[in-house]
Amino acid sequence: MGSSTLPDLTPDCNGKITHPRDECFRCKRLGHWIQTCPLQTRRFKAVYPATCSRCRHEVQGTEATYGSKGGSQTVMHLDCALADLQDMRDRKHLRALPAPEDGDPHTKLISRCIDKSDSNMLVNARAGSGKTFVIEVSAGRVRKRGERLVALTLNNDAAEELRRRGVTEARTFHSLGCRAWHRAYPRSKLVGAEKPEEAAEEAAAAQDSSRAEEAEVQQHNVPTKTKLLLENLYPPSREEARRQCKTSLEYVLFEPFVTQMVAAAKSEGVGIEGSAMPDKKESWRSLADRYKLEPLIEKKLKKGLSEARRRLATAQWPTAAARLSQGIRMARYALQHV
């Protein structure tokens, strides 16, 4: 009995699948019509070199559109723009959920711990359960006592949400560490830090301490250690440098896969003495299967490369199996140097 693959469906501007068999005239995706298309900007084939503001990869030669990051219009991959819009709908939905009352028993326990204890506390709760509200209430209680509260988040979206809700000193972990570094070494440069963020941190470090806390930092996909390592292990070839390519074909095609594979290998303890997963090809292949990472390579090949680079990639690694083997080889090599 044969099996069929269900098509990818894109919800409309209301988050609903209204026409699963019809293709939208604007974004060319199944699931809705143009009247309710979430994309409000035109779709086009990117002709000039540019960097997607979401995934930070090249958009030239791919389907693209205009998106908005940091209040300014930028060029994005079409899929990245649609994903951004979906994220915005999800955040709006979560914000619309009713927050727990200040008198909620769980909130009371947390407030009591903040008021009467110096111990650490872990709150484990599902999405939409009111964690942000608890931080908002806690910040208010701390301010009333004349004390200071700094909220650290993993990304700028969460920090901005907290600031909108009155938690003024909300920032990312990276922002805090970067600021401390620049205050200790004001003339230094952080390798891998993006120029806007680096400039903001240096400006904040030059201010007095009271004003420095008010300065904001823009952080968009700051490179991880694995990404920086891959850039150095696989620099652009002489021909790529002649064409003014900033990154090599290996880096662009395999970086998402290698980054996730290295993270998975660390968590599984691959190659560590006594581990159930020795550093062998079979272990890495089973890891890729378990975490479903192979599609990252194929997606990047189809939608994340220019036409010229796609031809080079298929010529060098003609099959999916060859591309997977190369990705695993790069991941094993990167793990040895991380």
C-alpha atoms as a PDB file:
ATOM      1  CA  MET A   1       0.000   0.000   0.000  1.00  0.00           C
ATOM      2  CA  GLY A   2       1.545   3.312  -1.079  1.00  0.00           C
ATOM      3  CA  SER A   3       1.930   6.297   1.213  1.00  0.00           C
ATOM      4  CA  SER A   4       1.496   9.965   0.326  1.00  0.00           C
ATOM      5  CA  THR A   5       3.170  12.974   1.870  1.00  0.00           C
ATOM      6  CA  LEU A   6       0.852  15.704   3.112  1.00  0.00           C
ATOM      7  CA  PRO A   7       1.707  19.144   1.711  1.00  0.00           C
ATOM      8  CA  ASP A   8       2.961  21.926   3.978  1.00  0.00           C
ATOM      9  CA  LEU A   9       0.037  24.233   4.749  1.00  0.00           C
ATOM     10  CA  THR A  10       0.468  27.875   5.706  1.00  0.00           C
ATOM     11  CA  PRO A  11      -2.197  29.416   7.982  1.00  0.00           C
ATOM     12  CA  ASP A  12      -3.846  32.687   6.982  1.00  0.00           C
ATOM     13  CA  CYS A  13      -3.546  36.000   8.859  1.00  0.00           C
ATOM     14  CA  ASN A  14      -5.923  34.633  11.515  1.00  0.00           C
ATOM     15  CA  GLY A  15      -3.868  31.492  12.064  1.00  0.00           C
ATOM     16  CA  LYS A  16      -6.395  29.214  10.321  1.00  0.00           C
ATOM     17  CA  ILE A  17      -6.173  26.797   7.386  1.00  0.00           C
ATOM     18  CA  THR A  18      -9.047  27.879   5.164  1.00  0.00           C
ATOM     19  CA  HIS A  19      -8.207  26.434   1.743  1.00  0.00           C
ATOM     20  CA  PRO A  20      -5.904  23.386   2.037  1.00  0.00           C
ATOM     21  CA  ARG A  21      -6.043  22.608  -1.694  1.00  0.00           C
ATOM     22  CA  ASP A  22      -5.693  26.141  -3.044  1.00  0.00           C
ATOM     23  CA  GLU A  23      -2.513  28.113  -3.644  1.00  0.00           C
ATOM     24  CA  CYS A  24      -2.364  31.734  -2.554  1.00  0.00           C
ATOM     25  CA  PHE A  25      -1.665  34.047  -5.493  1.00  0.00           C
ATOM     26  CA  ARG A  26       0.643  36.257  -3.390  1.00  0.00           C
ATOM     27  CA  CYS A  27       2.883  33.883  -1.410  1.00  0.00           C
ATOM     28  CA  LYS A  28       2.339  30.749  -3.549  1.00  0.00           C
ATOM     29  CA  ARG A  29       1.630  28.622  -0.453  1.00  0.00           C
ATOM     30  CA  LEU A  30      -1.232  26.208   0.180  1.00  0.00           C
ATOM     31  CA  GLY A  31      -3.714  26.785   2.984  1.00  0.00           C
ATOM     32  CA  HIS A  32      -5.336  30.162   2.286  1.00  0.00           C
ATOM     33  CA  TRP A  33      -6.340  32.684  -0.370  1.00  0.00           C
ATOM     34  CA  ILE A  34      -4.824  36.061  -1.140  1.00  0.00           C
ATOM     35  CA  GLN A  35      -7.621  37.906   0.713  1.00  0.00           C
ATOM     36  CA  THR A  36      -6.377  36.507   4.038  1.00  0.00           C
ATOM     37  CA  CYS A  37      -2.695  36.027   3.179  1.00  0.00           C
ATOM     38  CA  PRO A  38      -0.472  36.787   6.194  1.00  0.00           C
ATOM     39  CA  LEU A  39       2.119  38.273   3.848  1.00  0.00           C
ATOM     40  CA  GLN A  40       1.399  41.934   3.141  1.00  0.00           C
ATOM     41  CA  THR A  41       4.478  42.601   0.996  1.00  0.00           C
ATOM     42  CA  ARG A  42       5.278  41.397  -2.509  1.00  0.00           C
ATOM     43  CA  ARG A  43       7.185  38.196  -3.241  1.00  0.00           C
ATOM     44  CA  PHE A  44      10.156  38.328  -5.607  1.00  0.00           C
ATOM     45  CA  LYS A  45      13.351  36.570  -6.666  1.00  0.00           C
ATOM     46  CA  ALA A  46      16.301  38.230  -4.927  1.00  0.00           C
ATOM     47  CA  VAL A  47      18.773  39.441  -7.545  1.00  0.00           C
ATOM     48  CA  TYR A  48      21.277  41.338  -5.425  1.00  0.00           C
ATOM     49  CA  PRO A  49      23.404  40.071  -2.503  1.00  0.00           C
ATOM     50  CA  ALA A  50      21.727  40.576   0.877  1.00  0.00           C
ATOM     51  CA  THR A  51      21.495  38.864   4.255  1.00  0.00           C
ATOM     52  CA  CYS A  52      18.188  37.590   5.639  1.00  0.00           C
ATOM     53  CA  SER A  53      17.418  39.423   8.890  1.00  0.00           C
ATOM     54  CA  ARG A  54      16.051  36.240  10.513  1.00  0.00           C
ATOM     55  CA  CYS A  55      18.395  33.369   9.593  1.00  0.00           C
ATOM     56  CA  ARG A  56      21.389  35.597   8.656  1.00  0.00           C
ATOM     57  CA  HIS A  57      22.044  33.679   5.433  1.00  0.00           C
ATOM     58  CA  GLU A  58      22.327  34.866   1.829  1.00  0.00           C
ATOM     59  CA  VAL A  59      19.033  35.615   0.018  1.00  0.00           C
ATOM     60  CA  GLN A  60      20.409  36.179  -3.481  1.00  0.00           C
ATOM     61  CA  GLY A  61      18.825  33.764  -5.957  1.00  0.00           C
ATOM     62  CA  THR A  62      16.040  32.685  -3.551  1.00  0.00           C
ATOM     63  CA  GLU A  63      12.383  33.562  -3.031  1.00  0.00           C
ATOM     64  CA  ALA A  64      12.343  36.702  -0.889  1.00  0.00           C
ATOM     65  CA  THR A  65      10.117  39.435   0.449  1.00  0.00           C
ATOM     66  CA  TYR A  66      10.329  42.461   2.712  1.00  0.00           C
ATOM     67  CA  GLY A  67      10.142  42.044   6.461  1.00  0.00           C
ATOM     68  CA  SER A  68      10.563  44.260   9.485  1.00  0.00           C
ATOM     69  CA  LYS A  69      13.307  43.961  12.100  1.00  0.00           C
ATOM     70  CA  GLY A  70      14.056  46.603  14.690  1.00  0.00           C
ATOM     71  CA  GLY A  71      11.532  49.015  13.157  1.00  0.00           C
ATOM     72  CA  SER A  72      13.184  49.085   9.707  1.00  0.00           C
ATOM     73  CA  GLN A  73      12.333  47.233   6.488  1.00  0.00           C
ATOM     74  CA  THR A  74      14.716  44.422   5.553  1.00  0.00           C
ATOM     75  CA  VAL A  75      14.956  41.671   2.939  1.00  0.00           C
ATOM     76  CA  MET A  76      14.088  38.164   4.166  1.00  0.00           C
ATOM     77  CA  HIS A  77      13.668  34.690   2.751  1.00  0.00           C
ATOM     78  CA  LEU A  78       9.985  34.100   2.033  1.00  0.00           C
ATOM     79  CA  ASP A  79       9.863  31.168   4.471  1.00  0.00           C
ATOM     80  CA  CYS A  80      11.608  33.245   7.154  1.00  0.00           C
ATOM     81  CA  ALA A  81       9.103  36.090   6.707  1.00  0.00           C
ATOM     82  CA  LEU A  82       6.161  33.692   7.043  1.00  0.00           C
ATOM     83  CA  ALA A  83       7.773  32.117  10.123  1.00  0.00           C
ATOM     84  CA  ASP A  84       8.256  35.595  11.614  1.00  0.00           C
ATOM     85  CA  LEU A  85       4.582  36.391  11.092  1.00  0.00           C
ATOM     86  CA  GLN A  86       3.604  33.078  12.705  1.00  0.00           C
ATOM     87  CA  ASP A  87       5.804  33.892  15.709  1.00  0.00           C
ATOM     88  CA  MET A  88       4.107  37.281  16.040  1.00  0.00           C
ATOM     89  CA  ARG A  89       0.660  35.648  15.993  1.00  0.00           C
ATOM     90  CA  ASP A  90       1.754  33.121  18.630  1.00  0.00           C
ATOM     91  CA  ARG A  91       3.104  35.853  20.917  1.00  0.00           C
ATOM     92  CA  LYS A  92      -0.077  37.895  20.473  1.00  0.00           C
ATOM     93  CA  HIS A  93      -2.150  34.834  21.363  1.00  0.00           C
ATOM     94  CA  LEU A  94      -0.104  34.160  24.504  1.00  0.00           C
ATOM     95  CA  ARG A  95      -0.376  37.796  25.609  1.00  0.00           C
ATOM     96  CA  ALA A  96      -4.160  37.588  25.200  1.00  0.00           C
ATOM     97  CA  LEU A  97      -4.416  34.639  27.605  1.00  0.00           C
ATOM     98  CA  PRO A  98      -5.752  35.618  31.042  1.00  0.00           C
ATOM     99  CA  ALA A  99      -2.966  36.099  33.586  1.00  0.00           C
ATOM    100  CA  PRO A 100      -3.309  34.578  37.043  1.00  0.00           C
ATOM    101  CA  GLU A 101      -4.540  36.858  39.800  1.00  0.00           C
ATOM    102  CA  ASP A 102      -2.023  38.352  42.217  1.00  0.00           C
ATOM    103  CA  GLY A 103      -3.776  36.317  44.889  1.00  0.00           C
ATOM    104  CA  ASP A 104      -3.186  33.020  43.065  1.00  0.00           C
ATOM    105  CA  PRO A 105      -1.695  30.491  45.551  1.00  0.00           C
ATOM    106  CA  HIS A 106       1.307  29.755  43.344  1.00  0.00           C
ATOM    107  CA  THR A 107       2.026  33.479  42.919  1.00  0.00           C
ATOM    108  CA  LYS A 108       1.756  33.941  46.690  1.00  0.00           C
ATOM    109  CA  LEU A 109       4.319  31.204  47.322  1.00  0.00           C
ATOM    110  CA  ILE A 110       6.749  32.772  44.866  1.00  0.00           C
ATOM    111  CA  SER A 111       6.232  36.239  46.364  1.00  0.00           C
ATOM    112  CA  ARG A 112       6.813  34.860  49.872  1.00  0.00           C
ATOM    113  CA  CYS A 113      10.052  33.251  48.734  1.00  0.00           C
ATOM    114  CA  ILE A 114      11.225  36.545  47.194  1.00  0.00           C
ATOM    115  CA  ASP A 115      10.326  38.521  50.321  1.00  0.00           C
ATOM    116  CA  LYS A 116      11.712  36.215  53.008  1.00  0.00           C
ATOM    117  CA  SER A 117      14.444  34.118  51.417  1.00  0.00           C
ATOM    118  CA  ASP A 118      17.808  34.587  49.701  1.00  0.00           C
ATOM    119  CA  SER A 119      17.672  31.126  48.135  1.00  0.00           C
ATOM    120  CA  ASN A 120      17.491  30.338  44.433  1.00  0.00           C
ATOM    121  CA  MET A 121      14.118  29.373  42.994  1.00  0.00           C
ATOM    122  CA  LEU A 122      13.064  27.436  39.885  1.00  0.00           C
ATOM    123  CA  VAL A 123       9.588  27.929  38.398  1.00  0.00           C
ATOM    124  CA  ASN A 124       8.578  25.215  35.941  1.00  0.00           C
ATOM    125  CA  ALA A 125       5.362  26.028  34.065  1.00  0.00           C
ATOM    126  CA  ARG A 126       3.841  25.616  30.620  1.00  0.00           C
ATOM    127  CA  ALA A 127       3.493  28.337  27.998  1.00  0.00           C
ATOM    128  CA  GLY A 128       0.714  30.814  28.774  1.00  0.00           C
ATOM    129  CA  SER A 129       0.509  29.890  32.458  1.00  0.00           C
ATOM    130  CA  GLY A 130       1.566  33.350  33.665  1.00  0.00           C
ATOM    131  CA  LYS A 131       5.346  33.238  34.149  1.00  0.00           C
ATOM    132  CA  THR A 132       5.778  36.723  32.693  1.00  0.00           C
ATOM    133  CA  PHE A 133       3.012  38.025  34.953  1.00  0.00           C
ATOM    134  CA  VAL A 134       4.800  36.561  37.990  1.00  0.00           C
ATOM    135  CA  ILE A 135       8.015  38.369  36.989  1.00  0.00           C
ATOM    136  CA  GLU A 136       6.016  41.585  36.519  1.00  0.00           C
ATOM    137  CA  VAL A 137       4.437  41.256  39.986  1.00  0.00           C
ATOM    138  CA  SER A 138       7.781  40.354  41.568  1.00  0.00           C
ATOM    139  CA  ALA A 139       9.484  43.377  39.976  1.00  0.00           C
ATOM    140  CA  GLY A 140       6.787  45.640  41.383  1.00  0.00           C
ATOM    141  CA  ARG A 141       7.234  44.230  44.892  1.00  0.00           C
ATOM    142  CA  VAL A 142      11.018  44.630  44.714  1.00  0.00           C
ATOM    143  CA  ARG A 143      10.729  48.241  43.481  1.00  0.00           C
ATOM    144  CA  LYS A 144       8.378  49.103  46.356  1.00  0.00           C
ATOM    145  CA  ARG A 145      11.087  48.005  48.781  1.00  0.00           C
ATOM    146  CA  GLY A 146      13.519  50.370  47.067  1.00  0.00           C
ATOM    147  CA  GLU A 147      15.601  47.492  45.712  1.00  0.00           C
ATOM    148  CA  ARG A 148      16.716  46.652  42.196  1.00  0.00           C
ATOM    149  CA  LEU A 149      15.634  43.747  39.983  1.00  0.00           C
ATOM    150  CA  VAL A 150      17.373  42.719  36.757  1.00  0.00           C
ATOM    151  CA  ALA A 151      15.519  40.217  34.533  1.00  0.00           C
ATOM    152  CA  LEU A 152      17.691  38.142  32.164  1.00  0.00           C
ATOM    153  CA  THR A 153      16.190  36.467  29.098  1.00  0.00           C
ATOM    154  CA  LEU A 154      17.436  34.277  26.261  1.00  0.00           C
ATOM    155  CA  ASN A 155      16.363  36.610  23.444  1.00  0.00           C
ATOM    156  CA  ASN A 156      15.398  40.200  22.704  1.00  0.00           C
ATOM    157  CA  ASP A 157      11.719  39.437  22.101  1.00  0.00           C
ATOM    158  CA  ALA A 158      11.280  38.231  25.686  1.00  0.00           C
ATOM    159  CA  ALA A 159      13.229  41.214  27.043  1.00  0.00           C
ATOM    160  CA  GLU A 160      11.111  43.664  25.040  1.00  0.00           C
ATOM    161  CA  GLU A 161       7.926  41.993  26.316  1.00  0.00           C
ATOM    162  CA  LEU A 162       9.092  42.432  29.914  1.00  0.00           C
ATOM    163  CA  ARG A 163      10.027  46.081  29.325  1.00  0.00           C
ATOM    164  CA  ARG A 164       6.573  46.747  27.872  1.00  0.00           C
ATOM    165  CA  ARG A 165       5.106  45.343  31.077  1.00  0.00           C
ATOM    166  CA  GLY A 166       7.107  47.586  33.349  1.00  0.00           C
ATOM    167  CA  VAL A 167      10.223  45.503  34.061  1.00  0.00           C
ATOM    168  CA  THR A 168      12.623  48.248  32.991  1.00  0.00           C
ATOM    169  CA  GLU A 169      15.884  46.384  33.584  1.00  0.00           C
ATOM    170  CA  ALA A 170      15.174  43.420  31.302  1.00  0.00           C
ATOM    171  CA  ARG A 171      18.061  42.339  29.079  1.00  0.00           C
ATOM    172  CA  THR A 172      19.592  39.255  27.445  1.00  0.00           C
ATOM    173  CA  PHE A 173      22.330  37.128  29.026  1.00  0.00           C
ATOM    174  CA  HIS A 174      24.576  38.050  26.108  1.00  0.00           C
ATOM    175  CA  SER A 175      23.926  41.758  26.645  1.00  0.00           C
ATOM    176  CA  LEU A 176      24.900  41.546  30.309  1.00  0.00           C
ATOM    177  CA  GLY A 177      28.088  39.595  29.618  1.00  0.00           C
ATOM    178  CA  CYS A 178      29.071  41.795  26.680  1.00  0.00           C
ATOM    179  CA  ARG A 179      28.601  44.939  28.752  1.00  0.00           C
ATOM    180  CA  ALA A 180      30.685  43.564  31.626  1.00  0.00           C
ATOM    181  CA  TRP A 181      33.443  42.652  29.178  1.00  0.00           C
ATOM    182  CA  HIS A 182      33.550  46.102  27.604  1.00  0.00           C
ATOM    183  CA  ARG A 183      33.579  47.805  30.979  1.00  0.00           C
ATOM    184  CA  ALA A 184      36.536  45.698  32.066  1.00  0.00           C
ATOM    185  CA  TYR A 185      38.338  46.003  28.714  1.00  0.00           C
ATOM    186  CA  PRO A 186      36.991  49.174  27.019  1.00  0.00           C
ATOM    187  CA  ARG A 187      39.375  48.986  24.061  1.00  0.00           C
ATOM    188  CA  SER A 188      38.809  45.332  23.250  1.00  0.00           C
ATOM    189  CA  LYS A 189      36.778  43.775  20.454  1.00  0.00           C
ATOM    190  CA  LEU A 190      34.675  40.625  20.858  1.00  0.00           C
ATOM    191  CA  VAL A 191      35.293  38.172  18.006  1.00  0.00           C
ATOM    192  CA  GLY A 192      31.988  37.269  16.358  1.00  0.00           C
ATOM    193  CA  ALA A 193      29.949  40.117  17.879  1.00  0.00           C
ATOM    194  CA  GLU A 194      27.911  41.975  15.285  1.00  0.00           C
ATOM    195  CA  LYS A 195      28.890  45.572  14.664  1.00  0.00           C
ATOM    196  CA  PRO A 196      25.631  47.261  15.807  1.00  0.00           C
ATOM    197  CA  GLU A 197      25.641  45.289  19.046  1.00  0.00           C
ATOM    198  CA  GLU A 198      29.344  45.847  19.645  1.00  0.00           C
ATOM    199  CA  ALA A 199      28.989  49.576  19.073  1.00  0.00           C
ATOM    200  CA  ALA A 200      26.032  49.755  21.453  1.00  0.00           C
ATOM    201  CA  GLU A 201      27.941  47.933  24.179  1.00  0.00           C
ATOM    202  CA  GLU A 202      31.030  50.119  23.769  1.00  0.00           C
ATOM    203  CA  ALA A 203      28.855  53.230  23.944  1.00  0.00           C
ATOM    204  CA  ALA A 204      27.140  51.911  27.076  1.00  0.00           C
ATOM    205  CA  ALA A 205      30.490  51.082  28.688  1.00  0.00           C
ATOM    206  CA  ALA A 206      31.662  54.648  28.086  1.00  0.00           C
ATOM    207  CA  GLN A 207      28.648  56.098  29.923  1.00  0.00           C
ATOM    208  CA  ASP A 208      28.304  56.408  33.680  1.00  0.00           C
ATOM    209  CA  SER A 209      26.813  53.401  35.462  1.00  0.00           C
ATOM    210  CA  SER A 210      23.319  54.865  35.872  1.00  0.00           C
ATOM    211  CA  ARG A 211      22.936  55.656  32.167  1.00  0.00           C
ATOM    212  CA  ALA A 212      24.631  52.459  31.060  1.00  0.00           C
ATOM    213  CA  GLU A 213      21.822  50.402  32.556  1.00  0.00           C
ATOM    214  CA  GLU A 214      19.336  52.208  30.302  1.00  0.00           C
ATOM    215  CA  ALA A 215      21.179  51.438  27.055  1.00  0.00           C
ATOM    216  CA  GLU A 216      19.654  48.700  24.924  1.00  0.00           C
ATOM    217  CA  VAL A 217      21.452  46.126  22.826  1.00  0.00           C
ATOM    218  CA  GLN A 218      20.255  44.606  19.578  1.00  0.00           C
ATOM    219  CA  GLN A 219      21.017  40.927  19.343  1.00  0.00           C
ATOM    220  CA  HIS A 220      20.125  38.968  16.196  1.00  0.00           C
ATOM    221  CA  ASN A 221      21.482  35.429  15.954  1.00  0.00           C
ATOM    222  CA  VAL A 222      24.832  36.098  17.619  1.00  0.00           C
ATOM    223  CA  PRO A 223      27.235  33.385  16.371  1.00  0.00           C
ATOM    224  CA  THR A 224      27.738  30.387  18.651  1.00  0.00           C
ATOM    225  CA  LYS A 225      31.122  28.821  19.330  1.00  0.00           C
ATOM    226  CA  THR A 226      30.372  26.058  16.800  1.00  0.00           C
ATOM    227  CA  LYS A 227      29.478  28.601  14.091  1.00  0.00           C
ATOM    228  CA  LEU A 228      32.654  30.588  14.686  1.00  0.00           C
ATOM    229  CA  LEU A 229      34.666  27.386  14.643  1.00  0.00           C
ATOM    230  CA  LEU A 230      33.129  26.299  11.321  1.00  0.00           C
ATOM    231  CA  GLU A 231      33.946  29.675   9.775  1.00  0.00           C
ATOM    232  CA  ASN A 232      37.599  29.122  10.669  1.00  0.00           C
ATOM    233  CA  LEU A 233      37.733  25.417   9.757  1.00  0.00           C
ATOM    234  CA  TYR A 234      36.040  25.976   6.380  1.00  0.00           C
ATOM    235  CA  PRO A 235      37.016  29.431   5.072  1.00  0.00           C
ATOM    236  CA  PRO A 236      36.046  30.572   1.547  1.00  0.00           C
ATOM    237  CA  SER A 237      38.125  29.029  -1.224  1.00  0.00           C
ATOM    238  CA  ARG A 238      40.302  31.170  -3.463  1.00  0.00           C
ATOM    239  CA  GLU A 239      37.587  31.201  -6.110  1.00  0.00           C
ATOM    240  CA  GLU A 240      34.915  32.130  -3.548  1.00  0.00           C
ATOM    241  CA  ALA A 241      37.113  34.915  -2.199  1.00  0.00           C
ATOM    242  CA  ARG A 242      37.581  36.203  -5.753  1.00  0.00           C
ATOM    243  CA  ARG A 243      33.769  36.346  -6.088  1.00  0.00           C
ATOM    244  CA  GLN A 244      33.689  38.213  -2.734  1.00  0.00           C
ATOM    245  CA  CYS A 245      31.794  35.439  -0.930  1.00  0.00           C
ATOM    246  CA  LYS A 246      31.982  36.016   2.825  1.00  0.00           C
ATOM    247  CA  THR A 247      31.440  32.342   3.731  1.00  0.00           C
ATOM    248  CA  SER A 248      32.317  29.045   2.076  1.00  0.00           C
ATOM    249  CA  LEU A 249      29.825  26.709   0.426  1.00  0.00           C
ATOM    250  CA  GLU A 250      30.488  24.103   3.137  1.00  0.00           C
ATOM    251  CA  TYR A 251      29.639  26.575   5.874  1.00  0.00           C
ATOM    252  CA  VAL A 252      26.449  27.876   4.246  1.00  0.00           C
ATOM    253  CA  LEU A 253      25.091  24.433   3.339  1.00  0.00           C
ATOM    254  CA  PHE A 254      26.022  22.420   6.430  1.00  0.00           C
ATOM    255  CA  GLU A 255      26.113  24.977   9.280  1.00  0.00           C
ATOM    256  CA  PRO A 256      22.507  24.417  10.539  1.00  0.00           C
ATOM    257  CA  PHE A 257      23.001  20.638  10.499  1.00  0.00           C
ATOM    258  CA  VAL A 258      26.471  20.685  12.083  1.00  0.00           C
ATOM    259  CA  THR A 259      25.456  23.124  14.830  1.00  0.00           C
ATOM    260  CA  GLN A 260      22.505  20.937  15.853  1.00  0.00           C
ATOM    261  CA  MET A 261      24.511  17.730  15.541  1.00  0.00           C
ATOM    262  CA  VAL A 262      27.315  19.014  17.784  1.00  0.00           C
ATOM    263  CA  ALA A 263      24.764  20.112  20.384  1.00  0.00           C
ATOM    264  CA  ALA A 264      23.053  16.695  20.240  1.00  0.00           C
ATOM    265  CA  ALA A 265      26.398  14.863  20.454  1.00  0.00           C
ATOM    266  CA  LYS A 266      27.339  16.848  23.558  1.00  0.00           C
ATOM    267  CA  SER A 267      24.052  16.081  25.271  1.00  0.00           C
ATOM    268  CA  GLU A 268      24.338  12.370  24.402  1.00  0.00           C
ATOM    269  CA  GLY A 269      27.998  12.169  25.449  1.00  0.00           C
ATOM    270  CA  VAL A 270      29.248  10.845  22.110  1.00  0.00           C
ATOM    271  CA  GLY A 271      32.822   9.576  22.378  1.00  0.00           C
ATOM    272  CA  ILE A 272      33.041  10.027  26.157  1.00  0.00           C
ATOM    273  CA  GLU A 273      34.507   7.064  28.028  1.00  0.00           C
ATOM    274  CA  GLY A 274      31.718   4.930  29.433  1.00  0.00           C
ATOM    275  CA  SER A 275      29.112   6.427  27.101  1.00  0.00           C
ATOM    276  CA  ALA A 276      26.704   4.174  25.215  1.00  0.00           C
ATOM    277  CA  MET A 277      27.529   6.078  22.015  1.00  0.00           C
ATOM    278  CA  PRO A 278      31.135   5.667  20.796  1.00  0.00           C
ATOM    279  CA  ASP A 279      32.564   8.137  18.294  1.00  0.00           C
ATOM    280  CA  LYS A 280      31.719   6.058  15.225  1.00  0.00           C
ATOM    281  CA  LYS A 281      29.818   6.771  12.021  1.00  0.00           C
ATOM    282  CA  GLU A 282      26.971   4.499  13.124  1.00  0.00           C
ATOM    283  CA  SER A 283      26.479   6.515  16.317  1.00  0.00           C
ATOM    284  CA  TRP A 284      26.374   9.792  14.422  1.00  0.00           C
ATOM    285  CA  ARG A 285      23.918   8.430  11.862  1.00  0.00           C
ATOM    286  CA  SER A 286      21.601   7.165  14.584  1.00  0.00           C
ATOM    287  CA  LEU A 287      21.865  10.582  16.247  1.00  0.00           C
ATOM    288  CA  ALA A 288      20.871  12.318  13.002  1.00  0.00           C
ATOM    289  CA  ASP A 289      17.910   9.936  12.625  1.00  0.00           C
ATOM    290  CA  ARG A 290      16.768  10.311  16.237  1.00  0.00           C
ATOM    291  CA  TYR A 291      16.808  14.125  16.164  1.00  0.00           C
ATOM    292  CA  LYS A 292      15.555  14.266  12.538  1.00  0.00           C
ATOM    293  CA  LEU A 293      18.414  16.542  11.445  1.00  0.00           C
ATOM    294  CA  GLU A 294      19.049  15.343   7.879  1.00  0.00           C
ATOM    295  CA  PRO A 295      16.211  17.518   6.447  1.00  0.00           C
ATOM    296  CA  LEU A 296      18.157  20.611   7.577  1.00  0.00           C
ATOM    297  CA  ILE A 297      20.698  19.966   4.816  1.00  0.00           C
ATOM    298  CA  GLU A 298      18.104  19.344   2.108  1.00  0.00           C
ATOM    299  CA  LYS A 299      16.049  22.386   3.121  1.00  0.00           C
ATOM    300  CA  LYS A 300      19.131  24.586   2.981  1.00  0.00           C
ATOM    301  CA  LEU A 301      20.046  23.131  -0.434  1.00  0.00           C
ATOM    302  CA  LYS A 302      16.587  23.833  -1.877  1.00  0.00           C
ATOM    303  CA  LYS A 303      15.741  27.169  -0.300  1.00  0.00           C
ATOM    304  CA  GLY A 304      18.868  28.687   1.231  1.00  0.00           C
ATOM    305  CA  LEU A 305      21.358  28.774  -1.653  1.00  0.00           C
ATOM    306  CA  SER A 306      21.684  30.827  -4.796  1.00  0.00           C
ATOM    307  CA  GLU A 307      21.229  28.956  -8.062  1.00  0.00           C
ATOM    308  CA  ALA A 308      24.986  29.020  -8.750  1.00  0.00           C
ATOM    309  CA  ARG A 309      25.876  27.617  -5.332  1.00  0.00           C
ATOM    310  CA  ARG A 310      23.124  25.011  -5.599  1.00  0.00           C
ATOM    311  CA  ARG A 311      24.689  23.705  -8.806  1.00  0.00           C
ATOM    312  CA  LEU A 312      28.121  23.579  -7.170  1.00  0.00           C
ATOM    313  CA  ALA A 313      26.727  21.734  -4.155  1.00  0.00           C
ATOM    314  CA  THR A 314      24.900  19.085  -6.205  1.00  0.00           C
ATOM    315  CA  ALA A 315      28.001  18.590  -8.325  1.00  0.00           C
ATOM    316  CA  GLN A 316      30.228  18.099  -5.276  1.00  0.00           C
ATOM    317  CA  TRP A 317      27.705  16.054  -3.225  1.00  0.00           C
ATOM    318  CA  PRO A 318      25.274  14.647  -5.818  1.00  0.00           C
ATOM    319  CA  THR A 319      23.092  12.557  -3.481  1.00  0.00           C
ATOM    320  CA  ALA A 320      21.386  13.086  -0.124  1.00  0.00           C
ATOM    321  CA  ALA A 321      23.521  10.262   1.319  1.00  0.00           C
ATOM    322  CA  ALA A 322      26.718  11.998   0.192  1.00  0.00           C
ATOM    323  CA  ARG A 323      25.550  15.268   1.744  1.00  0.00           C
ATOM    324  CA  LEU A 324      24.681  13.522   5.004  1.00  0.00           C
ATOM    325  CA  SER A 325      28.104  11.845   5.124  1.00  0.00           C
ATOM    326  CA  GLN A 326      29.825  15.195   4.571  1.00  0.00           C
ATOM    327  CA  GLY A 327      27.703  16.815   7.287  1.00  0.00           C
ATOM    328  CA  ILE A 328      28.542  14.072   9.777  1.00  0.00           C
ATOM    329  CA  ARG A 329      32.235  14.319   8.863  1.00  0.00           C
ATOM    330  CA  MET A 330      32.156  18.063   9.552  1.00  0.00           C
ATOM    331  CA  ALA A 331      30.246  17.589  12.823  1.00  0.00           C
ATOM    332  CA  ARG A 332      32.757  15.005  14.098  1.00  0.00           C
ATOM    333  CA  TYR A 333      35.637  17.264  13.186  1.00  0.00           C
ATOM    334  CA  ALA A 334      33.984  20.297  14.837  1.00  0.00           C
ATOM    335  CA  LEU A 335      33.262  18.371  18.050  1.00  0.00           C
ATOM    336  CA  GLN A 336      36.948  17.520  18.377  1.00  0.00           C
ATOM    337  CA  HIS A 337      37.829  21.232  18.351  1.00  0.00           C
ATOM    338  CA  VAL A 338      34.950  22.728  20.370  1.00  0.00           C
END
